[in-house]
Protein backbone atom coordinates (compact mmCIF):
# COMPACT_ATOMS: atom_id res chain seq x y z
CA UNK A 1 131.85 120.17 88.83
CA UNK A 2 134.18 121.54 91.60
CA UNK A 3 137.84 121.00 91.53
CA UNK A 4 140.54 120.65 94.29
CA UNK A 5 144.10 120.85 94.75
CA UNK A 6 145.57 119.16 97.84
CA UNK A 7 149.47 119.48 98.70
CA UNK A 8 151.45 119.33 102.11
CA UNK A 9 154.47 119.06 104.11
CA UNK A 10 155.94 122.72 102.28
CA UNK A 11 158.90 122.73 104.71
CA UNK A 12 160.48 125.96 102.81
CA UNK A 13 163.73 126.69 102.72
CA UNK A 14 166.86 128.06 103.07
CA UNK A 15 167.12 127.33 106.74
CA UNK A 16 167.65 130.94 108.09
CA UNK A 17 170.27 131.78 110.22
CA UNK A 18 170.55 130.11 113.36
CA UNK A 19 171.78 131.66 116.84
CA UNK A 20 172.64 129.88 119.87
CA UNK A 21 169.34 131.22 121.66
CA UNK A 22 167.31 129.75 119.35
CA UNK A 23 168.24 126.19 119.78
CA UNK A 24 168.33 126.14 123.20
CA UNK A 25 165.30 123.73 123.25
CA UNK A 26 164.23 120.97 120.58
CA UNK A 27 165.12 123.43 117.43
CA UNK A 28 168.32 121.99 118.64
CA UNK A 29 167.33 118.44 117.24
CA UNK A 30 165.46 119.82 114.26
CA UNK A 31 168.90 121.79 113.04
CA UNK A 32 170.43 119.17 113.24
CA UNK A 33 168.75 116.64 111.05
CA UNK A 34 168.10 119.70 109.16
CA UNK A 35 171.55 119.68 108.29
CA UNK A 36 172.75 116.22 107.89
CA UNK A 37 169.68 114.72 106.15
CA UNK A 38 166.77 117.22 105.32
CA UNK A 39 168.63 119.92 103.16
CA UNK A 40 169.29 117.51 100.63
CA UNK A 41 165.97 115.88 100.31
CA UNK A 42 163.77 119.14 100.53
CA UNK A 43 164.37 121.65 97.52
CA UNK A 44 162.90 124.96 96.91
CA UNK A 45 163.39 125.00 93.11
CA UNK A 46 161.52 121.53 93.53
CA UNK A 47 158.25 123.35 95.12
CA UNK A 48 158.34 126.09 93.17
CA UNK A 49 158.23 124.16 89.50
CA UNK A 50 155.41 122.03 91.15
CA UNK A 51 153.62 124.95 92.74
CA UNK A 52 153.71 127.04 89.19
CA UNK A 53 152.49 123.33 87.49
CA UNK A 54 149.72 123.44 90.00
CA UNK A 55 148.55 127.03 89.65
CA UNK A 56 148.08 126.36 85.77
CA UNK A 57 145.37 124.14 86.37
CA UNK A 58 143.39 127.11 88.11
CA UNK A 59 141.55 124.74 90.96
CA UNK A 60 138.49 126.46 92.61
CA UNK A 61 139.89 125.72 96.39
CA UNK A 62 143.48 124.45 97.32
CA UNK A 63 144.32 122.44 100.57
CA UNK A 64 147.55 122.51 102.40
CA UNK A 65 147.88 120.20 105.00
CA UNK A 66 150.72 121.72 107.19
CA UNK A 67 153.94 121.65 107.89
CA UNK A 68 154.58 125.30 105.93
CA UNK A 69 158.13 125.34 108.28
CA UNK A 70 161.01 123.57 109.39
CA UNK A 71 161.79 124.89 112.99
CA UNK A 72 158.76 127.50 113.30
CA UNK A 73 161.49 130.13 113.80
CA UNK A 74 159.79 134.01 113.82
CA UNK A 75 161.50 134.47 110.43
CA UNK A 76 159.93 130.61 108.88
CA UNK A 77 156.46 131.74 109.75
CA UNK A 78 156.98 135.46 108.37
CA UNK A 79 158.25 133.69 105.17
CA UNK A 80 155.27 130.93 104.95
CA UNK A 81 152.91 134.38 105.54
CA UNK A 82 154.58 135.66 102.08
CA UNK A 83 154.19 131.92 100.44
CA UNK A 84 151.30 131.70 100.72
CA UNK A 85 149.81 135.05 99.62
CA UNK A 86 151.43 134.30 96.11
CA UNK A 87 149.89 131.05 96.19
CA UNK A 88 146.73 132.60 95.99
CA UNK A 89 143.77 134.35 98.09
CA UNK A 90 142.85 132.76 101.81
CA UNK A 91 139.54 133.24 99.91
CA UNK A 92 140.61 130.08 97.92
CA UNK A 93 143.28 128.03 100.04
CA UNK A 94 142.93 126.65 103.59
CA UNK A 95 145.61 125.62 105.85
CA UNK A 96 145.68 122.72 108.48
CA UNK A 97 148.83 122.78 111.02
CA UNK A 98 151.29 120.35 110.96
CA UNK A 99 153.59 119.19 113.94
CA UNK A 100 156.63 121.47 112.69
CA UNK A 101 154.13 124.73 112.17
CA UNK A 102 153.71 123.82 116.27
CA UNK A 103 157.03 122.86 116.84
CA UNK A 104 157.80 124.00 119.97
CA UNK A 105 155.06 125.82 122.61
CA UNK A 106 153.40 129.33 121.29
CA UNK A 107 154.64 128.45 117.71
CA UNK A 108 151.33 127.28 116.13
CA UNK A 109 150.04 130.78 117.86
CA UNK A 110 152.00 132.80 116.23
CA UNK A 111 151.53 130.76 112.89
CA UNK A 112 147.44 131.78 113.35
CA UNK A 113 148.33 135.52 114.42
CA UNK A 114 150.62 135.78 110.95
CA UNK A 115 148.74 133.59 108.70
CA UNK A 116 145.33 134.99 109.47
CA UNK A 117 142.82 134.04 107.03
CA UNK A 118 144.58 131.08 105.81
CA UNK A 119 143.82 129.26 108.97
CA UNK A 120 140.19 130.48 109.61
CA UNK A 121 136.76 129.51 108.77
CA UNK A 122 133.38 128.93 110.11
CA UNK A 123 133.45 127.78 113.82
CA UNK A 124 130.82 126.40 116.00
CA UNK A 125 132.05 128.31 118.69
CA UNK A 126 135.46 129.67 119.87
CA UNK A 127 137.52 126.81 119.26
CA UNK A 128 139.61 127.64 116.73
CA UNK A 129 139.41 123.71 114.88
CA UNK A 130 138.05 122.48 113.06
CA UNK A 131 136.67 125.10 110.93
CA UNK A 132 135.12 125.17 107.37
CA UNK A 133 135.27 126.68 104.24
CA UNK A 134 132.29 125.83 101.77
CA UNK A 135 132.98 126.16 97.52
CA UNK A 136 129.62 125.50 95.97
CA UNK A 137 128.79 122.20 97.86
CA UNK A 138 132.21 120.99 98.74
CA UNK A 139 133.05 121.44 102.61
CA UNK A 140 136.60 121.63 103.73
CA UNK A 141 136.65 121.00 107.25
CA UNK A 142 139.89 121.85 108.67
CA UNK A 143 141.28 120.35 112.06
CA UNK A 144 144.32 120.47 113.72
CA UNK A 145 146.87 117.89 114.87
CA UNK A 146 149.62 119.68 115.60
CA UNK A 147 151.12 120.10 118.66
CA UNK A 148 154.52 121.15 120.28
CA UNK A 149 156.25 117.73 121.45
CA UNK A 150 159.91 116.40 123.08
CA UNK A 151 162.89 116.15 121.01
CA UNK A 152 162.91 112.80 118.73
CA UNK A 153 159.26 113.10 118.66
CA UNK A 154 156.83 114.03 115.99
CA UNK A 155 153.55 112.70 117.09
CA UNK A 156 149.88 114.69 116.35
CA UNK A 157 147.25 114.50 118.63
CA UNK A 158 143.27 114.93 118.49
CA UNK A 159 141.43 115.33 121.44
CA UNK A 160 137.70 114.71 122.38
CA UNK A 161 136.65 118.46 122.57
CA UNK A 162 137.83 118.76 118.65
CA UNK A 163 136.35 115.46 117.85
CA UNK A 164 132.99 116.92 119.29
CA UNK A 165 133.35 119.72 117.19
CA UNK A 166 134.02 117.96 114.30
CA UNK A 167 130.77 115.17 114.98
CA UNK A 168 128.59 118.71 115.09
CA UNK A 169 130.36 119.60 111.51
CA UNK A 170 129.76 116.21 109.79
CA UNK A 171 126.03 116.06 110.76
CA UNK A 172 125.34 119.72 109.97
CA UNK A 173 127.26 119.61 106.96
CA UNK A 174 125.79 116.33 105.78
CA UNK A 175 122.23 117.32 106.13
CA UNK A 176 122.89 120.00 104.27
CA UNK A 177 124.21 117.72 101.31
CA UNK A 178 127.92 118.89 100.86
CA UNK A 179 130.83 116.63 99.83
CA UNK A 180 132.64 116.86 102.98
CA UNK A 181 136.40 116.67 102.86
CA UNK A 182 138.00 116.72 106.45
CA UNK A 183 141.81 118.02 106.28
CA UNK A 184 144.43 116.74 109.31
CA UNK A 185 148.17 116.72 108.84
CA UNK A 186 148.84 113.43 110.76
CA UNK A 187 147.09 110.05 108.94
CA UNK A 188 144.41 108.81 110.94
CA UNK A 189 144.08 105.37 109.65
CA UNK A 190 145.74 102.51 111.59
CA UNK A 191 148.28 101.41 108.87
CA UNK A 192 150.25 104.52 109.68
CA UNK A 193 150.54 104.73 113.23
CA UNK A 194 153.80 104.53 114.96
CA UNK A 195 154.58 105.16 118.92
CA UNK A 196 156.99 108.43 117.32
CA UNK A 197 155.33 109.71 114.59
CA UNK A 198 151.58 108.50 114.49
CA UNK A 199 148.24 110.62 115.60
CA UNK A 200 147.16 110.38 119.43
CA UNK A 201 143.85 110.11 119.10
CA UNK A 202 143.02 108.24 115.80
CA UNK A 203 140.62 105.80 117.24
CA UNK A 204 138.60 109.06 118.55
CA UNK A 205 139.19 110.57 115.16
CA UNK A 206 137.88 107.13 113.16
CA UNK A 207 135.06 107.17 115.28
CA UNK A 208 133.69 110.09 114.92
CA UNK A 209 133.61 109.48 110.46
CA UNK A 210 132.14 106.02 111.39
CA UNK A 211 129.46 107.84 113.29
CA UNK A 212 128.68 110.83 111.24
CA UNK A 213 130.29 109.81 107.79
CA UNK A 214 132.69 112.41 105.48
CA UNK A 215 133.45 111.79 102.14
CA UNK A 216 137.20 112.24 101.77
CA UNK A 217 139.79 112.97 104.02
CA UNK A 218 143.06 114.54 103.11
CA UNK A 219 146.67 113.93 105.15
CA UNK A 220 150.44 115.19 105.12
CA UNK A 221 152.96 113.96 107.23
CA UNK A 222 154.28 110.73 105.88
CA UNK A 223 156.30 112.77 102.86
CA UNK A 224 154.95 109.85 100.94
CA UNK A 225 151.51 109.18 98.46
CA UNK A 226 149.29 106.93 99.67
CA UNK A 227 145.74 105.85 99.35
CA UNK A 228 143.53 103.93 102.63
CA UNK A 229 140.36 104.10 103.44
CA UNK A 230 138.55 104.00 107.10
CA UNK A 231 134.93 103.20 108.01
CA UNK A 232 132.31 105.69 107.27
CA UNK A 233 128.59 105.91 108.27
CA UNK A 234 127.24 104.29 105.06
CA UNK A 235 130.68 103.83 103.06
CA UNK A 236 134.24 103.31 103.39
CA UNK A 237 136.05 107.37 103.33
CA UNK A 238 138.73 107.58 101.28
CA UNK A 239 142.45 108.44 102.82
CA UNK A 240 144.54 110.54 100.53
CA UNK A 241 148.32 111.65 101.43
CA UNK A 242 150.36 113.10 99.33
CA UNK A 243 154.44 113.28 98.91
CA UNK A 244 155.98 116.38 100.41
CA UNK A 245 155.56 119.39 97.82
CA UNK A 246 159.52 120.16 98.04
CA UNK A 247 161.04 116.77 98.40
CA UNK A 248 163.82 116.32 95.76
CA UNK A 249 163.83 113.58 92.99
CA UNK A 250 167.05 111.78 94.70
CA UNK A 251 165.55 111.31 97.96
CA UNK A 252 165.67 107.18 98.85
CA UNK A 253 163.31 107.31 101.99
CA UNK A 254 160.36 109.71 100.49
CA UNK A 255 158.35 109.91 97.04
CA UNK A 256 159.37 112.58 95.12
CA UNK A 257 157.44 116.28 95.07
CA UNK A 258 153.77 115.66 94.21
CA UNK A 259 150.33 117.17 94.57
CA UNK A 260 146.67 115.75 94.36
CA UNK A 261 144.06 117.24 92.39
CA UNK A 262 140.09 116.22 92.57
CA UNK A 263 137.29 116.59 90.27
CA UNK A 264 134.01 116.63 92.36
CA UNK A 265 130.26 116.52 91.12
CA UNK A 266 127.13 115.42 91.82
CA UNK A 267 125.46 112.29 90.01
CA UNK A 268 121.62 112.29 91.04
CA UNK A 269 121.87 111.33 95.02
CA UNK A 270 125.34 110.22 94.38
CA UNK A 271 128.83 111.62 94.39
CA UNK A 272 131.66 111.36 91.80
CA UNK A 273 135.28 112.17 92.32
CA UNK A 274 137.98 111.71 90.54
CA UNK A 275 141.56 112.09 91.64
CA UNK A 276 144.80 112.84 89.45
CA UNK A 277 148.23 112.58 90.89
CA UNK A 278 150.82 115.01 89.46
CA UNK A 279 154.27 115.04 90.50
CA UNK A 280 158.13 114.05 89.56
CA UNK A 281 158.87 110.61 88.67
CA UNK A 282 162.21 109.54 90.28
CA UNK A 283 163.85 109.66 86.63
CA UNK A 284 163.15 112.51 84.74
CA UNK A 285 162.66 116.50 85.14
CA UNK A 286 159.39 116.54 83.98
CA UNK A 287 156.10 116.96 85.81
CA UNK A 288 153.53 114.24 84.84
CA UNK A 289 150.12 112.86 85.91
CA UNK A 290 151.56 109.84 87.31
CA UNK A 291 147.98 108.29 87.95
CA UNK A 292 144.17 109.03 87.68
CA UNK A 293 141.52 107.18 89.45
CA UNK A 294 137.72 107.30 90.97
CA UNK A 295 137.72 107.26 94.52
CA UNK A 296 134.30 107.91 94.98
């Protein structure tokens, strides 16, 4: 049996000191949004407690589906690198970037340099994404939907080049008998699309999964726990979203901080995967197991 933890939307705080030169771009709207709303919704103490609870599970691997930072300031990127090191070694952690990690042009490239092996794995060619990490019979396939956008937009993008590479990877990993888990920050299912924060290329992503199959898709971005599915090559593929790991309990719009734990094992020619959701309730101070269900 392999255990996989999923955590997302870290949004490390507090916000560093901001100078005028720092906000002469999209960061201005992001900074105002933080000051007026998000600094009360996202909490570093909540994140620390959730991570401590997750680390006590002694999982085999951890998937982080993006948004480690807020405005992608150089200080934030450096701090996120140290946070990843505290979370665990790069051999047992893979990151797929979110829109906040690519908040302005050049930010994602900076994160790739600073976060290093957490954003790397096996690739088919010179393209950085998707990359693959293999743990026993588990293949973690990390895509990127992170692109800089105009103010007031938080959309992602999944293009033809990445789709072609993802298709080849899914085919190879499927033929080799791996449990294929695809990471992408923006949700690919049609129920969660929106012109200002959806995934451009979501139909393309789904077509790749429908052609080649996968066992599981994990995402963040919505700051809510969710369970959907999309067509696969044979069966429906579960699409699981998780609440923001730093979300405070008093947040009315989003779910309190949570993480998911998957237990994966082969049973004959089929896979068994059970998901447990851990996190805060809207009332009370304890982290509890909120749900357990078999997803395949």
